[in-house]
Protein backbone atom coordinates (compact mmCIF):
# COMPACT_ATOMS: atom_id res chain seq x y z
CA UNK A 1 168.82 87.18 237.00
CA UNK A 2 168.38 87.14 240.77
CA UNK A 3 170.29 83.86 241.05
CA UNK A 4 173.00 85.23 238.79
CA UNK A 5 173.28 88.38 240.89
CA UNK A 6 173.47 86.43 244.13
CA UNK A 7 176.15 84.17 242.66
CA UNK A 8 178.24 87.16 241.62
CA UNK A 9 177.84 88.74 245.07
CA UNK A 10 178.93 85.51 246.73
CA UNK A 11 181.95 85.27 244.43
CA UNK A 12 182.96 88.85 245.21
CA UNK A 13 182.58 88.27 248.95
CA UNK A 14 184.79 85.18 248.79
CA UNK A 15 187.38 87.09 246.77
CA UNK A 16 187.37 89.93 249.30
CA UNK A 17 187.86 87.45 252.13
CA UNK A 18 190.79 85.85 250.29
CA UNK A 19 192.48 89.23 249.73
CA UNK A 20 192.04 90.22 253.37
CA UNK A 21 193.45 86.92 254.63
CA UNK A 22 196.43 87.29 252.30
CA UNK A 23 197.09 90.80 253.62
CA UNK A 24 196.89 89.48 257.17
CA UNK A 25 199.26 86.62 256.33
CA UNK A 26 201.82 89.09 255.00
CA UNK A 27 201.49 91.07 258.22
CA UNK A 28 202.10 88.01 260.38
CA UNK A 29 205.23 86.84 258.55
CA UNK A 30 207.18 90.05 258.98
CA UNK A 31 210.47 88.68 260.34
CA UNK A 32 212.81 91.59 261.01
CA UNK A 33 210.00 94.13 261.33
CA UNK A 34 208.27 95.43 264.47
CA UNK A 35 205.12 93.52 265.42
CA UNK A 36 202.24 94.33 263.09
CA UNK A 37 204.31 96.45 260.72
CA UNK A 38 203.85 95.35 257.12
CA UNK A 39 207.01 94.25 255.30
CA UNK A 40 208.32 96.53 252.58
CA UNK A 41 211.53 96.73 250.60
CA UNK A 42 213.74 99.54 249.40
CA UNK A 43 215.24 99.07 245.94
CA UNK A 44 218.11 101.14 244.62
CA UNK A 45 216.84 102.50 241.30
CA UNK A 46 220.32 102.47 239.77
CA UNK A 47 220.76 98.78 240.60
CA UNK A 48 217.40 97.00 240.84
CA UNK A 49 219.16 93.92 242.25
CA UNK A 50 220.05 95.93 245.35
CA UNK A 51 217.01 95.36 247.57
CA UNK A 52 216.85 95.82 251.35
CA UNK A 53 214.14 95.29 253.94
CA UNK A 54 212.88 98.68 255.09
CA UNK A 55 210.96 98.69 258.42
CA UNK A 56 209.03 101.93 257.88
CA UNK A 57 205.57 102.72 259.25
CA UNK A 58 204.35 104.46 256.09
CA UNK A 59 202.73 101.51 254.33
CA UNK A 60 201.19 100.18 257.53
CA UNK A 61 199.41 103.49 258.07
CA UNK A 62 198.13 103.48 254.50
CA UNK A 63 196.87 99.89 254.69
CA UNK A 64 195.05 100.53 257.96
CA UNK A 65 193.44 103.67 256.58
CA UNK A 66 192.43 102.01 253.31
CA UNK A 67 190.80 98.98 254.95
CA UNK A 68 189.00 101.02 257.61
CA UNK A 69 187.54 103.26 254.90
CA UNK A 70 185.21 100.47 253.73
CA UNK A 71 185.04 98.34 256.86
CA UNK A 72 181.44 99.15 257.79
CA UNK A 73 180.18 98.02 254.38
CA UNK A 74 181.80 94.57 254.65
CA UNK A 75 180.33 91.32 255.97
CA UNK A 76 180.65 90.74 259.73
CA UNK A 77 183.42 88.19 259.25
CA UNK A 78 185.39 90.54 256.97
CA UNK A 79 184.93 93.31 259.50
CA UNK A 80 186.47 91.04 262.12
CA UNK A 81 189.49 90.40 259.87
CA UNK A 82 189.96 94.11 259.28
CA UNK A 83 189.67 94.86 262.99
CA UNK A 84 192.45 92.39 263.75
CA UNK A 85 194.69 93.71 260.97
CA UNK A 86 194.13 97.25 262.25
CA UNK A 87 194.77 96.31 265.88
CA UNK A 88 198.02 94.54 265.02
CA UNK A 89 199.09 97.27 262.61
CA UNK A 90 198.65 100.05 265.15
CA UNK A 91 200.29 98.14 268.00
CA UNK A 92 203.81 99.34 267.12
CA UNK A 93 203.23 102.84 265.73
CA UNK A 94 204.45 104.33 269.02
CA UNK A 95 207.96 103.32 267.97
CA UNK A 96 207.76 105.88 265.19
CA UNK A 97 206.30 108.76 267.21
CA UNK A 98 208.29 111.89 267.97
CA UNK A 99 210.65 111.04 270.81
CA UNK A 100 209.80 114.23 272.70
CA UNK A 101 206.12 113.25 272.80
CA UNK A 102 204.79 115.60 270.12
CA UNK A 103 201.98 114.08 268.03
CA UNK A 104 204.10 113.79 264.88
CA UNK A 105 205.57 110.71 263.25
CA UNK A 106 208.70 109.64 261.42
CA UNK A 107 209.07 107.35 258.44
CA UNK A 108 211.45 105.21 260.53
CA UNK A 109 211.70 104.36 264.22
CA UNK A 110 212.55 107.22 266.54
CA UNK A 111 213.89 105.12 269.42
CA UNK A 112 216.80 104.00 267.19
CA UNK A 113 217.38 106.83 264.66
CA UNK A 114 218.44 105.55 261.26
CA UNK A 115 219.16 106.66 257.72
CA UNK A 116 217.97 103.93 255.40
CA UNK A 117 217.80 100.89 257.74
CA UNK A 118 219.99 97.95 256.73
CA UNK A 119 222.12 100.34 254.67
CA UNK A 120 225.55 99.20 255.84
CA UNK A 121 228.12 101.98 256.07
CA UNK A 122 225.44 104.69 255.74
CA UNK A 123 224.15 103.73 259.20
CA UNK A 124 227.33 105.25 260.69
CA UNK A 125 225.61 108.62 260.19
CA UNK A 126 222.31 107.57 261.80
CA UNK A 127 222.34 109.77 264.89
CA UNK A 128 223.74 112.93 263.32
CA UNK A 129 221.89 112.86 260.00
CA UNK A 130 218.60 111.05 260.67
CA UNK A 131 215.58 112.66 259.03
CA UNK A 132 213.04 114.66 261.07
CA UNK A 133 209.35 113.79 261.36
CA UNK A 134 207.35 114.53 258.25
CA UNK A 135 203.86 115.79 257.43
CA UNK A 136 203.01 112.75 255.31
CA UNK A 137 203.52 110.03 257.93
CA UNK A 138 202.05 112.23 260.64
CA UNK A 139 198.69 112.86 258.96
CA UNK A 140 198.44 109.28 257.65
CA UNK A 141 199.05 107.75 261.08
CA UNK A 142 196.89 110.20 263.02
CA UNK A 143 194.07 109.60 260.54
CA UNK A 144 194.56 105.82 260.69
CA UNK A 145 194.33 105.95 264.48
CA UNK A 146 191.22 108.12 264.29
CA UNK A 147 192.55 110.60 266.83
CA UNK A 148 190.16 113.14 268.27
CA UNK A 149 189.46 116.39 266.49
CA UNK A 150 191.20 118.20 269.35
CA UNK A 151 194.45 116.29 268.73
CA UNK A 152 194.15 116.84 265.00
CA UNK A 153 193.68 120.58 265.56
CA UNK A 154 196.83 120.78 267.72
CA UNK A 155 198.97 119.22 264.97
CA UNK A 156 197.32 121.43 262.38
CA UNK A 157 198.36 124.43 264.45
CA UNK A 158 201.92 123.07 264.65
CA UNK A 159 202.01 122.66 260.87
CA UNK A 160 201.64 126.40 260.42
CA UNK A 161 205.15 126.87 261.83
CA UNK A 162 206.67 124.88 258.98
CA UNK A 163 205.13 126.60 255.99
CA UNK A 164 207.10 128.36 253.29
CA UNK A 165 208.14 131.97 254.11
CA UNK A 166 207.42 131.42 257.81
CA UNK A 167 211.15 131.15 258.60
CA UNK A 168 212.70 130.02 255.34
CA UNK A 169 211.87 130.37 251.65
CA UNK A 170 211.73 127.47 249.22
CA UNK A 171 214.71 127.21 246.90
CA UNK A 172 213.99 123.96 245.11
CA UNK A 173 210.61 124.47 243.48
CA UNK A 174 209.24 126.29 240.47
CA UNK A 175 209.55 130.12 240.48
CA UNK A 176 205.75 130.41 240.58
CA UNK A 177 205.76 129.02 244.11
CA UNK A 178 208.67 130.94 245.61
CA UNK A 179 206.54 133.13 247.90
CA UNK A 180 203.58 130.80 248.27
CA UNK A 181 203.07 129.97 251.99
CA UNK A 182 202.28 126.29 251.32
CA UNK A 183 203.40 123.54 253.69
CA UNK A 184 206.83 121.99 253.61
CA UNK A 185 207.24 118.21 253.77
CA UNK A 186 209.25 118.26 256.99
CA UNK A 187 208.82 119.31 260.60
CA UNK A 188 212.56 119.78 261.05
CA UNK A 189 213.68 123.40 261.35
CA UNK A 190 217.10 122.56 259.92
CA UNK A 191 215.60 121.10 256.76
CA UNK A 192 215.10 123.23 253.65
CA UNK A 193 211.52 123.92 252.57
CA UNK A 194 210.41 121.04 250.36
CA UNK A 195 207.19 121.04 248.32
CA UNK A 196 205.52 117.80 247.25
CA UNK A 197 202.13 117.96 245.56
CA UNK A 198 201.06 114.49 246.75
CA UNK A 199 202.07 115.22 250.35
CA UNK A 200 199.99 118.40 250.23
CA UNK A 201 197.02 116.35 249.00
CA UNK A 202 197.40 114.09 252.05
CA UNK A 203 197.63 117.05 254.41
CA UNK A 204 194.52 118.72 253.01
CA UNK A 205 192.67 115.39 253.04
CA UNK A 206 193.43 115.18 256.76
CA UNK A 207 192.33 118.77 257.36
CA UNK A 208 189.03 118.21 255.55
CA UNK A 209 188.42 114.79 257.08
CA UNK A 210 188.55 116.43 260.52
CA UNK A 211 186.68 119.54 259.35
CA UNK A 212 189.43 121.81 260.66
CA UNK A 213 189.41 125.55 260.13
CA UNK A 214 191.35 126.35 256.96
CA UNK A 215 194.40 128.59 257.21
CA UNK A 216 196.39 130.63 254.71
CA UNK A 217 198.77 127.71 254.32
CA UNK A 218 195.91 125.31 253.54
CA UNK A 219 194.67 127.65 250.81
CA UNK A 220 198.20 128.15 249.50
CA UNK A 221 198.73 124.38 249.37
CA UNK A 222 195.53 123.98 247.36
CA UNK A 223 196.71 126.74 245.05
CA UNK A 224 199.93 124.83 244.41
CA UNK A 225 197.93 121.70 243.57
CA UNK A 226 195.50 123.43 241.19
CA UNK A 227 198.24 125.49 239.52
CA UNK A 228 200.22 122.32 238.87
CA UNK A 229 197.15 120.69 237.31
CA UNK A 230 196.39 123.74 235.17
CA UNK A 231 199.94 123.63 233.81
CA UNK A 232 200.06 119.81 233.53
CA UNK A 233 203.13 119.76 235.77
CA UNK A 234 201.80 116.66 237.52
CA UNK A 235 202.12 114.95 234.14
CA UNK A 236 205.30 116.36 232.63
CA UNK A 237 207.19 117.41 235.77
CA UNK A 238 205.99 114.71 238.17
CA UNK A 239 209.42 114.00 239.65
CA UNK A 240 209.86 117.72 240.32
CA UNK A 241 206.42 118.72 241.60
CA UNK A 242 206.10 115.56 243.73
CA UNK A 243 209.67 114.29 244.26
CA UNK A 244 208.66 111.71 246.89
CA UNK A 245 206.03 110.09 244.67
CA UNK A 246 207.18 111.13 241.20
CA UNK A 247 204.66 109.19 239.10
CA UNK A 248 201.60 110.78 237.39
CA UNK A 249 199.36 107.82 238.32
CA UNK A 250 200.31 108.07 242.00
CA UNK A 251 199.71 111.82 242.00
CA UNK A 252 196.30 111.28 240.39
CA UNK A 253 195.43 108.80 243.13
CA UNK A 254 196.34 111.35 245.81
CA UNK A 255 194.26 114.06 244.14
CA UNK A 256 191.33 111.64 244.05
CA UNK A 257 191.77 110.88 247.75
CA UNK A 258 191.57 114.60 248.52
CA UNK A 259 188.35 114.85 246.51
CA UNK A 260 186.72 112.20 248.72
CA UNK A 261 187.90 113.39 252.16
CA UNK A 262 185.32 114.87 254.48
CA UNK A 263 182.73 117.19 252.94
CA UNK A 264 185.18 118.54 250.35
CA UNK A 265 184.98 121.93 251.98
CA UNK A 266 187.10 124.76 250.57
CA UNK A 267 188.25 122.81 247.48
CA UNK A 268 185.79 124.11 244.89
CA UNK A 269 188.61 125.11 242.54
CA UNK A 270 189.85 121.52 242.56
CA UNK A 271 186.36 120.06 242.13
CA UNK A 272 185.97 122.21 239.01
CA UNK A 273 188.97 120.42 237.50
CA UNK A 274 187.43 116.94 237.71
CA UNK A 275 186.51 116.79 233.98
CA UNK A 276 190.09 117.71 233.08
CA UNK A 277 191.49 115.16 235.51
CA UNK A 278 189.22 112.45 234.13
CA UNK A 279 190.44 113.06 230.57
CA UNK A 280 194.06 113.03 231.72
CA UNK A 281 193.52 109.82 233.66
CA UNK A 282 191.97 108.10 230.66
CA UNK A 283 194.94 109.20 228.54
CA UNK A 284 197.33 107.71 231.08
CA UNK A 285 195.32 104.49 231.20
CA UNK A 286 195.58 104.13 227.44
CA UNK A 287 199.37 103.89 227.67
CA UNK A 288 199.68 102.16 231.06
CA UNK A 289 201.90 99.07 231.06
CA UNK A 290 201.78 98.07 234.72
CA UNK A 291 198.84 96.46 236.51
CA UNK A 292 199.32 98.42 239.75
CA UNK A 293 199.52 101.65 237.80
CA UNK A 294 196.23 100.71 236.12
CA UNK A 295 194.61 100.07 239.50
CA UNK A 296 195.67 103.51 240.78
CA UNK A 297 194.34 105.21 237.65
CA UNK A 298 191.08 103.27 237.65
CA UNK A 299 190.43 104.18 241.28
CA UNK A 300 191.21 107.82 240.55
CA UNK A 301 188.94 108.00 237.51
CA UNK A 302 185.94 106.80 239.55
CA UNK A 303 186.44 109.71 241.93
CA UNK A 304 186.86 112.08 238.99
CA UNK A 305 183.37 111.14 237.79
CA UNK A 306 184.19 108.29 235.42
CA UNK A 307 181.94 105.27 235.02
CA UNK A 308 183.41 102.39 237.06
CA UNK A 309 185.26 99.86 234.92
CA UNK A 310 185.37 96.33 236.23
CA UNK A 311 188.99 95.70 235.28
CA UNK A 312 189.32 92.82 237.72
CA UNK A 313 188.86 90.16 235.06
CA UNK A 314 191.76 91.50 233.00
CA UNK A 315 194.25 91.94 235.83
CA UNK A 316 196.54 89.36 237.39
CA UNK A 317 196.35 89.48 241.19
CA UNK A 318 199.82 87.98 241.58
CA UNK A 319 201.24 90.54 239.16
CA UNK A 320 199.72 93.36 241.19
CA UNK A 321 201.02 91.96 244.46
CA UNK A 322 204.56 91.68 243.09
CA UNK A 323 204.43 94.81 240.93
CA UNK A 324 207.67 96.77 240.67
CA UNK A 325 205.79 100.01 240.06
CA UNK A 326 206.87 102.31 242.93
CA UNK A 327 204.15 104.00 244.95
CA UNK A 328 206.74 105.90 246.96
CA UNK A 329 210.25 107.09 246.03
CA UNK A 330 213.05 108.39 248.25
CA UNK A 331 214.74 110.98 246.10
CA UNK A 332 217.99 112.20 247.61
CA UNK A 333 218.09 115.10 245.15
CA UNK A 334 214.67 116.40 246.17
CA UNK A 335 215.96 119.03 248.59
CA UNK A 336 218.72 120.43 246.40
CA UNK A 337 218.33 123.95 244.96
CA UNK A 338 216.36 124.11 241.69
CA UNK A 339 219.21 124.43 239.17
CA UNK A 340 220.78 121.25 240.56
CA UNK A 341 217.60 119.45 241.57
CA UNK A 342 215.95 119.46 238.15
CA UNK A 343 218.50 117.30 236.29
CA UNK A 344 219.54 115.15 239.26
CA UNK A 345 215.97 114.32 240.30
CA UNK A 346 215.56 112.37 237.06
CA UNK A 347 218.64 110.20 237.55
CA UNK A 348 218.42 106.70 238.98
CA UNK A 349 221.52 106.92 241.17
CA UNK A 350 219.77 109.40 243.47
CA UNK A 351 216.61 107.35 244.03
CA UNK A 352 215.31 104.46 246.11
CA UNK A 353 212.01 102.85 245.14
CA UNK A 354 209.72 101.38 247.80
CA UNK A 355 207.54 98.32 247.39
CA UNK A 356 204.95 96.76 249.67
CA UNK A 357 203.01 93.72 248.38
CA UNK A 358 200.39 94.02 251.14
CA UNK A 359 199.61 97.62 250.18
CA UNK A 360 199.39 96.64 246.52
CA UNK A 361 196.69 94.15 247.52
CA UNK A 362 194.92 96.78 249.63
CA UNK A 363 194.82 99.07 246.58
CA UNK A 364 193.37 96.22 244.51
CA UNK A 365 190.79 95.49 247.22
CA UNK A 366 189.80 99.18 247.34
CA UNK A 367 189.43 99.37 243.56
CA UNK A 368 187.32 96.23 243.41
CA UNK A 369 185.07 97.66 246.11
CA UNK A 370 184.51 100.87 244.13
CA UNK A 371 183.60 98.92 241.00
CA UNK A 372 181.66 96.00 242.57
CA UNK A 373 180.63 96.66 246.20
CA UNK A 374 181.82 93.82 248.41
CA UNK A 375 179.24 94.25 251.15
CA UNK A 376 176.75 91.65 252.25
C-alpha cells in the first residue's frame, strides 16, 4: 500500500509538472500580445467562426492568482516554474493600469485605448468610447500582485464612490435591488450602474482576503448575492444577474472562491447556504455536457462541503484546454435599461465569448490539487 501510494504521488507530481510547463509554453508563444500576457480569443456568439485575438489582462491575472494560491504546497521545482510564470505574467500589467496613476485596472491596455482590439471598423471609436476601468480586473490584478493592505484599503475607499445610489441609481437590474447600495461594475462616472453577481463575489473576496473593514456597500453586495441564491436567480436568470459571466457553473465557482477568501468574515449568511449550493451544484453536474463546466462545478462543490471526486480519470485534458465553454462573456446589452436588457441579453448577436486555453488548464490544475494534493 505504501508503494502504491508513493507511485500515485509520483504520478500526480509528474502530471502537475506537465500542466505547469504547458501553461508556461502558452505564455511564451503569445505573438501579438504584450510580454507575459496569456493569449486569449474573443468569439462572436452569433457567428462562432468569427474569432479574434484579444490582448486583455483579465486571464493573466486569474492564472497568476490561481497558481500562487497553491504554490507553497508544490515541490521546489514546481514552485520555481510558478515563480517564473508569475514574474513574466506581471511584467506587463502596468500597460493596463489607470493612465492617471490610480491603482485601478482596465480589461484592455490604457496606453492605447481600444474597444474590442482587432475589431476593424469598431476601432475608429476607440478614443471616444473606450471602456473605463472596472472593479473585476482591478481586484484580480491587485490581489495577484499581492499589494500591501494599505494600497488595498485605498482602492476599497475609492470603490465606495461608485456604489448604487451614491450618484446614480441602477436601471438595469431586478426591482428588488433598485435602492440597494451594492457596487457597480465600473469606475467610470459616465457609465450606468451595472450589477454583476460574480463581479461582486470577486470584490468581496478581495475585501476579505485583505481583512478590510466592511462598509455598507460590502454588506449590500453580499445581500444581492444571497438574495439571488435564495431566489435561484443565479440558475434561471444567470445572464441577467451576472451579465459578464452568464453561466450558472461560472457563478457557482465565484461563490466558492468567496467562501475560501481570507477568514470568511462577515459572510455568515452565505456560509449558511452551503448545503443549498451543494445540492444545486450536484444537479448542474448531473446535466453538464462540457468538461470545463464540470471542472468548475467540481471545484465549487468541494468548497460547498462536498466530498472530493477524482474526476481526472474521466476527463480529457485536451478537451478542457480547447473547451468552447465561455468563462467570461462581453454582453453589449448588459447596461441597457431592464425592459430592453432582459430579452436582448439572451440573444447571441449582442455577445462575445472569451476563451483562454492556459486558464482552462489552470482551472484543471486547481481542481486536481483539491482532489489529490500535488505537494511533495
